[in-house]
Amino acid sequence: MSSFEFASPYFLYGLAIIPILIIWYIFRCNNQQAYVRFSDTGFFNKLPKSWRSYLRHIVFVLEIGALSLFIVALARPQSSSKNKKVNVEGIDIVLTMDISSSMLARDLKPDRLEASKEVASNFVEGRPNDRMGLVVFSGETFTQVPLTTDHAMMLNMLKDMKCGMLEDGTAIGDGLASAVSRLKDSEAISKVVILLTDGDNNAGSITPATAAEMAKIYGIRVYTIGAGTRGMAPYPVQTPFGGIQYQQVPVKINETLLQQIADETGGKYFRAESKESLQKIYDEIDQMERSKIEVNEFQRLHEEFYPFVIWGLILLIAAFLLKNTIFKSITD
């Protein structure tokens, strides 16, 4: 990016003298007219005007132009070049999120899914230099967003994510394997999966152990998050009359499995028992992965007053030559 600014902008106030000089010049010209008395001036009106009479003010115009350019030059115009260089090999992150029906439990406010969506959106907004992807899973898995730098699209997809999009269940292995397939060909220096679930693997064709081994082979770090309180959690159940009532259901997060996946891939396991603790978990992951990329930002200033000085000198020399040759005046 480049911008234009003045190092000493207060000199630009000097341009206020230009209209004053123009008024003074007009006043002086009116007072310096030569007068000759004749009984009849009709003869002179019929005489053709020479080109000198039309161009007699050009000297003043050149002098005013030169003065204006010198004043601008004194203000020291500068152009600045800003460069923000991000390593080509940055961080690629795939959010892998459980959207099974159990994510509607309300131990996280307003419920597990909405809390997860909001916190994940904050995480995406805080990492503008990374490529992001989104994989959702329940009994099946689906790549909602492939790796992209279009974070606006990523945020829209997170917003639209909801339970019931896929067959119900919890296919942790398939979800992780899908995320790995999106990252395996990445040339990023750091490849990360953040896997969030609230249950145990009970569906899918790929075991979590196999998916974790795949992630390890491709150098992908997996951070696992178990979302849910300990013990019982309120879960919405539809009544025969079409209403909703909440029943306490047991929270069944396979922490041992999630810990094994994290350990196998060099990641870390977290337990989120509230929306606030989930936010802290994402903040911690953000800090751990922040050091993997270097961003260098610099600003370079370029002096731009030289053209103003050069053109001012050209106008001044032209005015001097014209004033002492073609438009030379004879004074008493």
C-alpha atoms as a PDB file:
ATOM      1  CA  MET A   1       0.000   0.000   0.000  1.00  0.00           C
ATOM      2  CA  SER A   2       1.121   3.583  -0.597  1.00  0.00           C
ATOM      3  CA  SER A   3      -0.108   6.926   0.741  1.00  0.00           C
ATOM      4  CA  PHE A   4       0.726  10.608   0.294  1.00  0.00           C
ATOM      5  CA  GLU A   5       1.375  13.066   3.111  1.00  0.00           C
ATOM      6  CA  PHE A   6       3.307  16.232   3.991  1.00  0.00           C
ATOM      7  CA  ALA A   7       6.148  16.286   6.522  1.00  0.00           C
ATOM      8  CA  SER A   8       5.686  20.046   7.172  1.00  0.00           C
ATOM      9  CA  PRO A   9       2.073  20.761   6.214  1.00  0.00           C
ATOM     10  CA  TYR A  10       2.022  24.169   7.968  1.00  0.00           C
ATOM     11  CA  PHE A  11       3.984  25.618   5.011  1.00  0.00           C
ATOM     12  CA  LEU A  12       0.870  25.044   2.894  1.00  0.00           C
ATOM     13  CA  TYR A  13      -0.706  28.027   4.661  1.00  0.00           C
ATOM     14  CA  GLY A  14       1.655  30.064   2.508  1.00  0.00           C
ATOM     15  CA  LEU A  15      -0.578  29.312  -0.455  1.00  0.00           C
ATOM     16  CA  ALA A  16      -3.004  31.859   1.026  1.00  0.00           C
ATOM     17  CA  ILE A  17      -0.734  34.604  -0.330  1.00  0.00           C
ATOM     18  CA  ILE A  18      -1.451  33.550  -3.931  1.00  0.00           C
ATOM     19  CA  PRO A  19      -4.944  35.129  -4.215  1.00  0.00           C
ATOM     20  CA  ILE A  20      -3.598  38.263  -2.466  1.00  0.00           C
ATOM     21  CA  LEU A  21      -0.856  38.583  -5.089  1.00  0.00           C
ATOM     22  CA  ILE A  22      -3.383  38.073  -7.889  1.00  0.00           C
ATOM     23  CA  ILE A  23      -5.580  40.875  -6.533  1.00  0.00           C
ATOM     24  CA  TRP A  24      -2.539  43.111  -6.137  1.00  0.00           C
ATOM     25  CA  TYR A  25      -1.452  42.387  -9.713  1.00  0.00           C
ATOM     26  CA  ILE A  26      -4.880  43.224 -11.124  1.00  0.00           C
ATOM     27  CA  PHE A  27      -4.958  46.465  -9.112  1.00  0.00           C
ATOM     28  CA  ARG A  28      -1.468  47.446 -10.252  1.00  0.00           C
ATOM     29  CA  CYS A  29      -2.259  46.763 -13.908  1.00  0.00           C
ATOM     30  CA  ASN A  30      -5.315  48.997 -13.727  1.00  0.00           C
ATOM     31  CA  ASN A  31      -3.283  51.839 -12.236  1.00  0.00           C
ATOM     32  CA  GLN A  32      -0.420  51.546 -14.719  1.00  0.00           C
ATOM     33  CA  GLN A  33      -2.430  51.991 -17.915  1.00  0.00           C
ATOM     34  CA  ALA A  34      -0.951  54.615 -20.221  1.00  0.00           C
ATOM     35  CA  TYR A  35      -3.390  57.278 -21.406  1.00  0.00           C
ATOM     36  CA  VAL A  36      -3.178  59.462 -24.534  1.00  0.00           C
ATOM     37  CA  ARG A  37      -5.859  62.083 -25.216  1.00  0.00           C
ATOM     38  CA  PHE A  38      -7.491  62.055 -28.641  1.00  0.00           C
ATOM     39  CA  SER A  39     -10.669  63.671 -29.782  1.00  0.00           C
ATOM     40  CA  ASP A  40     -11.756  60.423 -31.392  1.00  0.00           C
ATOM     41  CA  THR A  41     -10.544  56.943 -30.344  1.00  0.00           C
ATOM     42  CA  GLY A  42     -12.557  55.053 -32.920  1.00  0.00           C
ATOM     43  CA  PHE A  43      -9.459  54.632 -35.049  1.00  0.00           C
ATOM     44  CA  PHE A  44      -7.660  52.743 -32.303  1.00  0.00           C
ATOM     45  CA  ASN A  45     -10.564  50.410 -31.713  1.00  0.00           C
ATOM     46  CA  LYS A  46     -10.289  49.214 -35.271  1.00  0.00           C
ATOM     47  CA  LEU A  47      -6.614  48.357 -34.941  1.00  0.00           C
ATOM     48  CA  PRO A  48      -5.902  44.597 -34.577  1.00  0.00           C
ATOM     49  CA  LYS A  49      -4.508  43.485 -31.225  1.00  0.00           C
ATOM     50  CA  SER A  50      -1.117  41.805 -31.301  1.00  0.00           C
ATOM     51  CA  TRP A  51      -0.456  38.400 -29.693  1.00  0.00           C
ATOM     52  CA  ARG A  52       1.661  40.202 -27.114  1.00  0.00           C
ATOM     53  CA  SER A  53      -1.400  41.973 -25.797  1.00  0.00           C
ATOM     54  CA  TYR A  54      -3.135  38.637 -25.263  1.00  0.00           C
ATOM     55  CA  LEU A  55      -0.141  36.995 -23.605  1.00  0.00           C
ATOM     56  CA  ARG A  56       1.138  39.968 -21.604  1.00  0.00           C
ATOM     57  CA  HIS A  57       0.082  38.352 -18.289  1.00  0.00           C
ATOM     58  CA  ILE A  58       1.892  35.071 -18.887  1.00  0.00           C
ATOM     59  CA  VAL A  59       4.969  36.242 -16.976  1.00  0.00           C
ATOM     60  CA  PHE A  60       2.906  36.823 -13.859  1.00  0.00           C
ATOM     61  CA  VAL A  61       1.159  33.446 -14.271  1.00  0.00           C
ATOM     62  CA  LEU A  62       4.535  31.691 -14.515  1.00  0.00           C
ATOM     63  CA  GLU A  63       5.839  33.520 -11.438  1.00  0.00           C
ATOM     64  CA  ILE A  64       2.723  32.639  -9.416  1.00  0.00           C
ATOM     65  CA  GLY A  65       2.995  29.011 -10.565  1.00  0.00           C
ATOM     66  CA  ALA A  66       6.650  28.872  -9.528  1.00  0.00           C
ATOM     67  CA  LEU A  67       5.864  30.387  -6.110  1.00  0.00           C
ATOM     68  CA  SER A  68       3.062  27.866  -5.539  1.00  0.00           C
ATOM     69  CA  LEU A  69       5.336  24.955  -6.416  1.00  0.00           C
ATOM     70  CA  PHE A  70       8.068  26.223  -4.072  1.00  0.00           C
ATOM     71  CA  ILE A  71       5.572  26.535  -1.207  1.00  0.00           C
ATOM     72  CA  VAL A  72       4.395  22.956  -1.773  1.00  0.00           C
ATOM     73  CA  ALA A  73       8.029  21.824  -1.894  1.00  0.00           C
ATOM     74  CA  LEU A  74       8.674  23.495   1.484  1.00  0.00           C
ATOM     75  CA  ALA A  75       5.838  21.409   2.928  1.00  0.00           C
ATOM     76  CA  ARG A  76       7.906  18.342   1.947  1.00  0.00           C
ATOM     77  CA  PRO A  77       5.432  16.036   0.228  1.00  0.00           C
ATOM     78  CA  GLN A  78       6.218  12.398   0.915  1.00  0.00           C
ATOM     79  CA  SER A  79       4.876   9.113  -0.330  1.00  0.00           C
ATOM     80  CA  SER A  80       4.977   6.166   2.031  1.00  0.00           C
ATOM     81  CA  SER A  81       5.135   2.516   1.086  1.00  0.00           C
ATOM     82  CA  LYS A  82       3.694   0.094   3.616  1.00  0.00           C
ATOM     83  CA  ASN A  83       4.418  -3.567   3.256  1.00  0.00           C
ATOM     84  CA  LYS A  84       3.033  -6.349   5.404  1.00  0.00           C
ATOM     85  CA  LYS A  85       4.840  -9.536   4.556  1.00  0.00           C
ATOM     86  CA  VAL A  86       3.371 -12.803   5.758  1.00  0.00           C
ATOM     87  CA  ASN A  87       5.303 -15.990   5.277  1.00  0.00           C
ATOM     88  CA  VAL A  88       3.950 -18.053   2.408  1.00  0.00           C
ATOM     89  CA  GLU A  89       4.096 -21.055   4.676  1.00  0.00           C
ATOM     90  CA  GLY A  90       1.679 -19.923   7.366  1.00  0.00           C
ATOM     91  CA  ILE A  91      -0.857 -21.862   9.379  1.00  0.00           C
ATOM     92  CA  ASP A  92      -3.724 -23.884   7.951  1.00  0.00           C
ATOM     93  CA  ILE A  93      -6.489 -24.629  10.440  1.00  0.00           C
ATOM     94  CA  VAL A  94      -9.544 -26.845  10.008  1.00  0.00           C
ATOM     95  CA  LEU A  95     -12.315 -26.535  12.577  1.00  0.00           C
ATOM     96  CA  THR A  96     -13.986 -29.919  12.976  1.00  0.00           C
ATOM     97  CA  MET A  97     -17.260 -29.523  14.829  1.00  0.00           C
ATOM     98  CA  ASP A  98     -19.843 -31.954  16.155  1.00  0.00           C
ATOM     99  CA  ILE A  99     -23.406 -31.048  15.103  1.00  0.00           C
ATOM    100  CA  SER A 100     -25.167 -34.090  16.544  1.00  0.00           C
ATOM    101  CA  SER A 101     -28.450 -33.571  18.371  1.00  0.00           C
ATOM    102  CA  SER A 102     -26.737 -33.768  21.757  1.00  0.00           C
ATOM    103  CA  MET A 103     -25.118 -30.396  20.946  1.00  0.00           C
ATOM    104  CA  LEU A 104     -28.512 -28.835  21.763  1.00  0.00           C
ATOM    105  CA  ALA A 105     -27.955 -29.489  25.487  1.00  0.00           C
ATOM    106  CA  ARG A 106     -28.002 -26.278  27.482  1.00  0.00           C
ATOM    107  CA  ASP A 107     -25.172 -26.700  29.949  1.00  0.00           C
ATOM    108  CA  LEU A 108     -23.326 -24.182  27.734  1.00  0.00           C
ATOM    109  CA  LYS A 109     -25.380 -21.044  27.108  1.00  0.00           C
ATOM    110  CA  PRO A 110     -27.526 -20.701  25.090  1.00  0.00           C
ATOM    111  CA  ASP A 111     -26.667 -24.279  24.070  1.00  0.00           C
ATOM    112  CA  ARG A 112     -23.511 -26.199  23.178  1.00  0.00           C
ATOM    113  CA  LEU A 113     -23.798 -25.628  19.446  1.00  0.00           C
ATOM    114  CA  GLU A 114     -24.531 -21.893  19.560  1.00  0.00           C
ATOM    115  CA  ALA A 115     -21.789 -21.316  22.126  1.00  0.00           C
ATOM    116  CA  SER A 116     -19.335 -23.268  19.971  1.00  0.00           C
ATOM    117  CA  LYS A 117     -20.323 -21.295  16.854  1.00  0.00           C
ATOM    118  CA  GLU A 118     -19.873 -17.934  18.584  1.00  0.00           C
ATOM    119  CA  VAL A 119     -16.491 -18.768  20.101  1.00  0.00           C
ATOM    120  CA  ALA A 120     -15.246 -20.314  16.842  1.00  0.00           C
ATOM    121  CA  SER A 121     -16.315 -17.183  14.950  1.00  0.00           C
ATOM    122  CA  ASN A 122     -14.282 -15.008  17.332  1.00  0.00           C
ATOM    123  CA  PHE A 123     -11.315 -17.296  16.750  1.00  0.00           C
ATOM    124  CA  VAL A 124     -11.607 -16.974  12.960  1.00  0.00           C
ATOM    125  CA  GLU A 125     -11.898 -13.170  13.125  1.00  0.00           C
ATOM    126  CA  GLY A 126      -8.758 -13.005  15.253  1.00  0.00           C
ATOM    127  CA  ARG A 127      -6.582 -14.812  12.680  1.00  0.00           C
ATOM    128  CA  PRO A 128      -6.877 -12.873   9.395  1.00  0.00           C
ATOM    129  CA  ASN A 129      -3.610 -14.247   7.985  1.00  0.00           C
ATOM    130  CA  ASP A 130      -4.444 -17.950   8.214  1.00  0.00           C
ATOM    131  CA  ARG A 131      -6.277 -20.233   5.843  1.00  0.00           C
ATOM    132  CA  MET A 132      -9.312 -21.782   7.516  1.00  0.00           C
ATOM    133  CA  GLY A 133     -11.572 -24.710   6.777  1.00  0.00           C
ATOM    134  CA  LEU A 134     -14.705 -26.147   8.360  1.00  0.00           C
ATOM    135  CA  VAL A 135     -15.703 -29.812   8.666  1.00  0.00           C
ATOM    136  CA  VAL A 136     -18.955 -30.781  10.377  1.00  0.00           C
ATOM    137  CA  PHE A 137     -19.911 -34.238  11.534  1.00  0.00           C
ATOM    138  CA  SER A 138     -22.576 -36.179  13.365  1.00  0.00           C
ATOM    139  CA  GLY A 139     -23.407 -39.699  12.111  1.00  0.00           C
ATOM    140  CA  GLU A 140     -21.880 -38.546   8.793  1.00  0.00           C
ATOM    141  CA  THR A 141     -19.271 -35.979   7.896  1.00  0.00           C
ATOM    142  CA  PHE A 142     -19.244 -33.085   5.450  1.00  0.00           C
ATOM    143  CA  THR A 143     -16.688 -30.453   4.440  1.00  0.00           C
ATOM    144  CA  GLN A 144     -18.622 -27.241   4.874  1.00  0.00           C
ATOM    145  CA  VAL A 145     -15.709 -24.949   3.891  1.00  0.00           C
ATOM    146  CA  PRO A 146     -12.468 -26.100   2.230  1.00  0.00           C
ATOM    147  CA  LEU A 147      -9.266 -24.278   3.166  1.00  0.00           C
ATOM    148  CA  THR A 148      -9.714 -20.640   2.258  1.00  0.00           C
ATOM    149  CA  THR A 149      -8.650 -17.094   3.120  1.00  0.00           C
ATOM    150  CA  ASP A 150     -12.235 -15.928   2.566  1.00  0.00           C
ATOM    151  CA  HIS A 151     -13.053 -15.524   6.226  1.00  0.00           C
ATOM    152  CA  ALA A 152     -16.360 -13.810   5.452  1.00  0.00           C
ATOM    153  CA  MET A 153     -17.598 -16.997   3.834  1.00  0.00           C
ATOM    154  CA  MET A 154     -16.216 -19.020   6.744  1.00  0.00           C
ATOM    155  CA  LEU A 155     -18.143 -16.879   9.228  1.00  0.00           C
ATOM    156  CA  ASN A 156     -21.350 -17.186   7.202  1.00  0.00           C
ATOM    157  CA  MET A 157     -21.044 -20.970   7.119  1.00  0.00           C
ATOM    158  CA  LEU A 158     -20.447 -21.088  10.862  1.00  0.00           C
ATOM    159  CA  LYS A 159     -23.532 -18.960  11.377  1.00  0.00           C
ATOM    160  CA  ASP A 160     -25.688 -21.259   9.221  1.00  0.00           C
ATOM    161  CA  MET A 161     -24.423 -24.480  10.825  1.00  0.00           C
ATOM    162  CA  LYS A 162     -27.148 -26.345  12.744  1.00  0.00           C
ATOM    163  CA  CYS A 163     -28.125 -29.724  14.108  1.00  0.00           C
ATOM    164  CA  GLY A 164     -30.046 -31.986  11.755  1.00  0.00           C
ATOM    165  CA  MET A 165     -27.989 -31.185   8.665  1.00  0.00           C
ATOM    166  CA  LEU A 166     -26.641 -34.742   8.688  1.00  0.00           C
ATOM    167  CA  GLU A 167     -27.752 -38.127   9.987  1.00  0.00           C
ATOM    168  CA  ASP A 168     -27.567 -38.169  13.761  1.00  0.00           C
ATOM    169  CA  GLY A 169     -24.743 -39.875  15.642  1.00  0.00           C
ATOM    170  CA  THR A 170     -21.138 -39.069  16.527  1.00  0.00           C
ATOM    171  CA  ALA A 171     -18.578 -40.172  13.920  1.00  0.00           C
ATOM    172  CA  ILE A 172     -15.448 -38.681  15.467  1.00  0.00           C
ATOM    173  CA  GLY A 173     -13.116 -40.828  13.364  1.00  0.00           C
ATOM    174  CA  ASP A 174     -14.785 -39.858  10.080  1.00  0.00           C
ATOM    175  CA  GLY A 175     -14.840 -36.168  11.057  1.00  0.00           C
ATOM    176  CA  LEU A 176     -11.135 -36.182  11.888  1.00  0.00           C
ATOM    177  CA  ALA A 177     -10.275 -38.137   8.742  1.00  0.00           C
ATOM    178  CA  SER A 178     -12.121 -35.581   6.591  1.00  0.00           C
ATOM    179  CA  ALA A 179     -10.162 -32.767   8.222  1.00  0.00           C
ATOM    180  CA  VAL A 180      -6.910 -34.632   7.633  1.00  0.00           C
ATOM    181  CA  SER A 181      -7.755 -35.086   3.947  1.00  0.00           C
ATOM    182  CA  ARG A 182      -8.160 -31.316   3.643  1.00  0.00           C
ATOM    183  CA  LEU A 183      -4.776 -30.670   5.225  1.00  0.00           C
ATOM    184  CA  LYS A 184      -2.582 -33.537   3.989  1.00  0.00           C
ATOM    185  CA  ASP A 185      -1.467 -31.737   0.805  1.00  0.00           C
ATOM    186  CA  SER A 186      -0.994 -28.384   2.499  1.00  0.00           C
ATOM    187  CA  GLU A 187       2.465 -26.810   2.301  1.00  0.00           C
ATOM    188  CA  ALA A 188       1.883 -24.710   5.416  1.00  0.00           C
ATOM    189  CA  ILE A 189       4.570 -24.842   8.061  1.00  0.00           C
ATOM    190  CA  SER A 190       1.887 -25.621  10.643  1.00  0.00           C
ATOM    191  CA  LYS A 191      -1.246 -27.722  10.064  1.00  0.00           C
ATOM    192  CA  VAL A 192      -3.848 -27.806  12.802  1.00  0.00           C
ATOM    193  CA  VAL A 193      -7.203 -29.445  13.462  1.00  0.00           C
ATOM    194  CA  ILE A 194      -9.431 -28.222  16.277  1.00  0.00           C
ATOM    195  CA  LEU A 195     -11.899 -31.035  16.957  1.00  0.00           C
ATOM    196  CA  LEU A 196     -14.880 -30.270  19.178  1.00  0.00           C
ATOM    197  CA  THR A 197     -17.363 -32.910  20.292  1.00  0.00           C
ATOM    198  CA  ASP A 198     -19.656 -33.637  23.220  1.00  0.00           C
ATOM    199  CA  GLY A 199     -19.845 -37.434  23.049  1.00  0.00           C
ATOM    200  CA  ASP A 200     -18.200 -40.729  22.150  1.00  0.00           C
ATOM    201  CA  ASN A 201     -17.507 -42.271  18.769  1.00  0.00           C
ATOM    202  CA  ASN A 202     -20.585 -44.354  17.862  1.00  0.00           C
ATOM    203  CA  ALA A 203     -20.843 -44.072  14.066  1.00  0.00           C
ATOM    204  CA  GLY A 204     -18.765 -43.884  10.894  1.00  0.00           C
ATOM    205  CA  SER A 205     -16.412 -46.241   9.081  1.00  0.00           C
ATOM    206  CA  ILE A 206     -13.028 -44.910  10.298  1.00  0.00           C
ATOM    207  CA  THR A 207     -11.938 -45.366  13.887  1.00  0.00           C
ATOM    208  CA  PRO A 208     -10.599 -42.341  15.774  1.00  0.00           C
ATOM    209  CA  ALA A 209      -7.295 -44.193  16.322  1.00  0.00           C
ATOM    210  CA  THR A 210      -6.861 -44.656  12.574  1.00  0.00           C
ATOM    211  CA  ALA A 211      -7.711 -41.014  11.880  1.00  0.00           C
ATOM    212  CA  ALA A 212      -5.239 -39.889  14.551  1.00  0.00           C
ATOM    213  CA  GLU A 213      -2.528 -42.054  12.982  1.00  0.00           C
ATOM    214  CA  MET A 214      -3.253 -40.424   9.614  1.00  0.00           C
ATOM    215  CA  ALA A 215      -2.926 -36.982  11.179  1.00  0.00           C
ATOM    216  CA  LYS A 216       0.406 -37.938  12.734  1.00  0.00           C
ATOM    217  CA  ILE A 217       1.761 -39.214   9.411  1.00  0.00           C
ATOM    218  CA  TYR A 218       0.968 -35.905   7.698  1.00  0.00           C
ATOM    219  CA  GLY A 219       2.331 -33.774  10.540  1.00  0.00           C
ATOM    220  CA  ILE A 220      -1.072 -32.456  11.591  1.00  0.00           C
ATOM    221  CA  ARG A 221      -1.540 -31.361  15.186  1.00  0.00           C
ATOM    222  CA  VAL A 222      -4.994 -32.052  16.658  1.00  0.00           C
ATOM    223  CA  TYR A 223      -6.398 -30.051  19.544  1.00  0.00           C
ATOM    224  CA  THR A 224      -9.430 -31.837  20.985  1.00  0.00           C
ATOM    225  CA  ILE A 225     -12.199 -30.176  23.000  1.00  0.00           C
ATOM    226  CA  GLY A 226     -14.841 -31.963  25.037  1.00  0.00           C
ATOM    227  CA  ALA A 227     -17.849 -29.640  25.288  1.00  0.00           C
ATOM    228  CA  GLY A 228     -20.170 -30.268  28.222  1.00  0.00           C
ATOM    229  CA  THR A 229     -20.456 -30.102  31.964  1.00  0.00           C
ATOM    230  CA  ARG A 230     -19.825 -33.086  34.219  1.00  0.00           C
ATOM    231  CA  GLY A 231     -22.719 -35.211  35.365  1.00  0.00           C
ATOM    232  CA  MET A 232     -26.125 -34.222  33.986  1.00  0.00           C
ATOM    233  CA  ALA A 233     -27.160 -31.560  31.486  1.00  0.00           C
ATOM    234  CA  PRO A 234     -30.559 -30.124  30.460  1.00  0.00           C
ATOM    235  CA  TYR A 235     -31.617 -31.408  27.046  1.00  0.00           C
ATOM    236  CA  PRO A 236     -34.694 -30.199  25.094  1.00  0.00           C
ATOM    237  CA  VAL A 237     -37.337 -32.847  24.408  1.00  0.00           C
ATOM    238  CA  GLN A 238     -40.486 -32.267  22.369  1.00  0.00           C
ATOM    239  CA  THR A 239     -43.723 -33.042  24.178  1.00  0.00           C
ATOM    240  CA  PRO A 240     -46.759 -34.746  22.575  1.00  0.00           C
ATOM    241  CA  PHE A 241     -48.479 -31.363  22.487  1.00  0.00           C
ATOM    242  CA  GLY A 242     -45.724 -29.768  20.362  1.00  0.00           C
ATOM    243  CA  GLY A 243     -44.003 -27.921  23.192  1.00  0.00           C
ATOM    244  CA  ILE A 244     -40.475 -28.245  24.516  1.00  0.00           C
ATOM    245  CA  GLN A 245     -39.471 -29.422  27.967  1.00  0.00           C
ATOM    246  CA  TYR A 246     -36.015 -30.033  29.340  1.00  0.00           C
ATOM    247  CA  GLN A 247     -34.857 -33.306  30.803  1.00  0.00           C
ATOM    248  CA  GLN A 248     -31.631 -33.993  32.626  1.00  0.00           C
ATOM    249  CA  VAL A 249     -29.499 -36.411  30.588  1.00  0.00           C
ATOM    250  CA  PRO A 250     -26.054 -37.819  31.398  1.00  0.00           C
ATOM    251  CA  VAL A 251     -23.031 -36.206  29.726  1.00  0.00           C
ATOM    252  CA  LYS A 252     -20.964 -38.910  28.009  1.00  0.00           C
ATOM    253  CA  ILE A 253     -17.714 -37.440  26.715  1.00  0.00           C
ATOM    254  CA  ASN A 254     -14.971 -39.961  26.028  1.00  0.00           C
ATOM    255  CA  GLU A 255     -12.150 -37.911  27.486  1.00  0.00           C
ATOM    256  CA  THR A 256      -9.727 -40.820  27.273  1.00  0.00           C
ATOM    257  CA  LEU A 257     -10.245 -41.044  23.518  1.00  0.00           C
ATOM    258  CA  LEU A 258      -9.877 -37.304  22.991  1.00  0.00           C
ATOM    259  CA  GLN A 259      -6.740 -37.253  25.134  1.00  0.00           C
ATOM    260  CA  GLN A 260      -5.233 -40.096  23.086  1.00  0.00           C
ATOM    261  CA  ILE A 261      -5.926 -38.282  19.810  1.00  0.00           C
ATOM    262  CA  ALA A 262      -4.256 -35.127  21.118  1.00  0.00           C
ATOM    263  CA  ASP A 263      -1.250 -37.009  22.510  1.00  0.00           C
ATOM    264  CA  GLU A 264      -0.793 -39.019  19.301  1.00  0.00           C
ATOM    265  CA  THR A 265      -0.626 -35.884  17.146  1.00  0.00           C
ATOM    266  CA  GLY A 266       1.290 -33.533  19.439  1.00  0.00           C
ATOM    267  CA  GLY A 267      -1.794 -31.486  20.326  1.00  0.00           C
ATOM    268  CA  LYS A 268      -3.633 -30.984  23.583  1.00  0.00           C
ATOM    269  CA  TYR A 269      -6.985 -31.982  25.091  1.00  0.00           C
ATOM    270  CA  PHE A 270      -9.300 -29.461  26.765  1.00  0.00           C
ATOM    271  CA  ARG A 271     -12.581 -29.746  28.652  1.00  0.00           C
ATOM    272  CA  ALA A 272     -15.093 -26.924  28.197  1.00  0.00           C
ATOM    273  CA  GLU A 273     -17.748 -26.935  30.905  1.00  0.00           C
ATOM    274  CA  SER A 274     -19.057 -23.445  30.086  1.00  0.00           C
ATOM    275  CA  LYS A 275     -19.025 -20.938  27.274  1.00  0.00           C
ATOM    276  CA  GLU A 276     -16.450 -18.874  29.170  1.00  0.00           C
ATOM    277  CA  SER A 277     -14.096 -21.831  29.571  1.00  0.00           C
ATOM    278  CA  LEU A 278     -14.546 -22.647  25.866  1.00  0.00           C
ATOM    279  CA  GLN A 279     -13.505 -19.091  24.997  1.00  0.00           C
ATOM    280  CA  LYS A 280     -10.397 -19.469  27.175  1.00  0.00           C
ATOM    281  CA  ILE A 281      -9.549 -22.731  25.406  1.00  0.00           C
ATOM    282  CA  TYR A 282      -9.679 -21.089  21.977  1.00  0.00           C
ATOM    283  CA  ASP A 283      -7.618 -18.182  23.332  1.00  0.00           C
ATOM    284  CA  GLU A 284      -4.990 -20.639  24.570  1.00  0.00           C
ATOM    285  CA  ILE A 285      -4.876 -22.436  21.222  1.00  0.00           C
ATOM    286  CA  ASP A 286      -4.630 -19.060  19.517  1.00  0.00           C
ATOM    287  CA  GLN A 287      -1.576 -18.158  21.592  1.00  0.00           C
ATOM    288  CA  MET A 288       0.104 -21.552  21.151  1.00  0.00           C
ATOM    289  CA  GLU A 289      -0.182 -21.359  17.377  1.00  0.00           C
ATOM    290  CA  ARG A 290       0.478 -17.635  17.106  1.00  0.00           C
ATOM    291  CA  SER A 291       4.254 -18.123  17.351  1.00  0.00           C
ATOM    292  CA  LYS A 292       4.330 -20.369  14.299  1.00  0.00           C
ATOM    293  CA  ILE A 293       4.116 -17.457  11.842  1.00  0.00           C
ATOM    294  CA  GLU A 294       6.192 -14.302  11.498  1.00  0.00           C
ATOM    295  CA  VAL A 295       4.698 -11.050  10.247  1.00  0.00           C
ATOM    296  CA  ASN A 296       7.020  -8.213   9.266  1.00  0.00           C
ATOM    297  CA  GLU A 297       5.519  -4.792   8.743  1.00  0.00           C
ATOM    298  CA  PHE A 298       7.516  -1.756   7.668  1.00  0.00           C
ATOM    299  CA  GLN A 299       6.915   1.693   6.263  1.00  0.00           C
ATOM    300  CA  ARG A 300       9.287   3.407   3.837  1.00  0.00           C
ATOM    301  CA  LEU A 301       9.093   7.156   3.166  1.00  0.00           C
ATOM    302  CA  HIS A 302      10.043   8.690  -0.185  1.00  0.00           C
ATOM    303  CA  GLU A 303      10.671  12.439  -0.558  1.00  0.00           C
ATOM    304  CA  GLU A 304       8.548  13.821  -3.381  1.00  0.00           C
ATOM    305  CA  PHE A 305       9.480  17.532  -3.267  1.00  0.00           C
ATOM    306  CA  TYR A 306      12.138  17.326  -6.010  1.00  0.00           C
ATOM    307  CA  PRO A 307       9.672  17.485  -8.946  1.00  0.00           C
ATOM    308  CA  PHE A 308       8.000  20.543  -7.390  1.00  0.00           C
ATOM    309  CA  VAL A 309      11.368  22.316  -7.049  1.00  0.00           C
ATOM    310  CA  ILE A 310      12.440  21.398 -10.587  1.00  0.00           C
ATOM    311  CA  TRP A 311       9.189  22.534 -12.186  1.00  0.00           C
ATOM    312  CA  GLY A 312       9.211  25.684 -10.040  1.00  0.00           C
ATOM    313  CA  LEU A 313      12.706  26.524 -11.320  1.00  0.00           C
ATOM    314  CA  ILE A 314      11.628  25.840 -14.903  1.00  0.00           C
ATOM    315  CA  LEU A 315       8.663  28.217 -14.558  1.00  0.00           C
ATOM    316  CA  LEU A 316      10.822  30.845 -12.859  1.00  0.00           C
ATOM    317  CA  ILE A 317      13.501  30.710 -15.566  1.00  0.00           C
ATOM    318  CA  ALA A 318      10.841  30.855 -18.277  1.00  0.00           C
ATOM    319  CA  ALA A 319       9.280  33.920 -16.621  1.00  0.00           C
ATOM    320  CA  PHE A 320      12.708  35.594 -16.343  1.00  0.00           C
ATOM    321  CA  LEU A 321      13.556  34.978 -20.015  1.00  0.00           C
ATOM    322  CA  LEU A 322      10.161  36.171 -21.260  1.00  0.00           C
ATOM    323  CA  LYS A 323      10.265  39.224 -19.020  1.00  0.00           C
ATOM    324  CA  ASN A 324      13.668  40.263 -20.374  1.00  0.00           C
ATOM    325  CA  THR A 325      13.058  39.449 -24.036  1.00  0.00           C
ATOM    326  CA  ILE A 326       9.615  39.273 -25.617  1.00  0.00           C
ATOM    327  CA  PHE A 327       7.754  41.077 -22.818  1.00  0.00           C
ATOM    328  CA  LYS A 328      10.538  43.435 -21.795  1.00  0.00           C
ATOM    329  CA  SER A 329       9.155  46.745 -20.587  1.00  0.00           C
ATOM    330  CA  ILE A 330      10.796  50.146 -20.613  1.00  0.00           C
ATOM    331  CA  THR A 331      10.590  51.966 -17.319  1.00  0.00           C
ATOM    332  CA  ASP A 332      11.590  55.550 -16.605  1.00  0.00           C
END
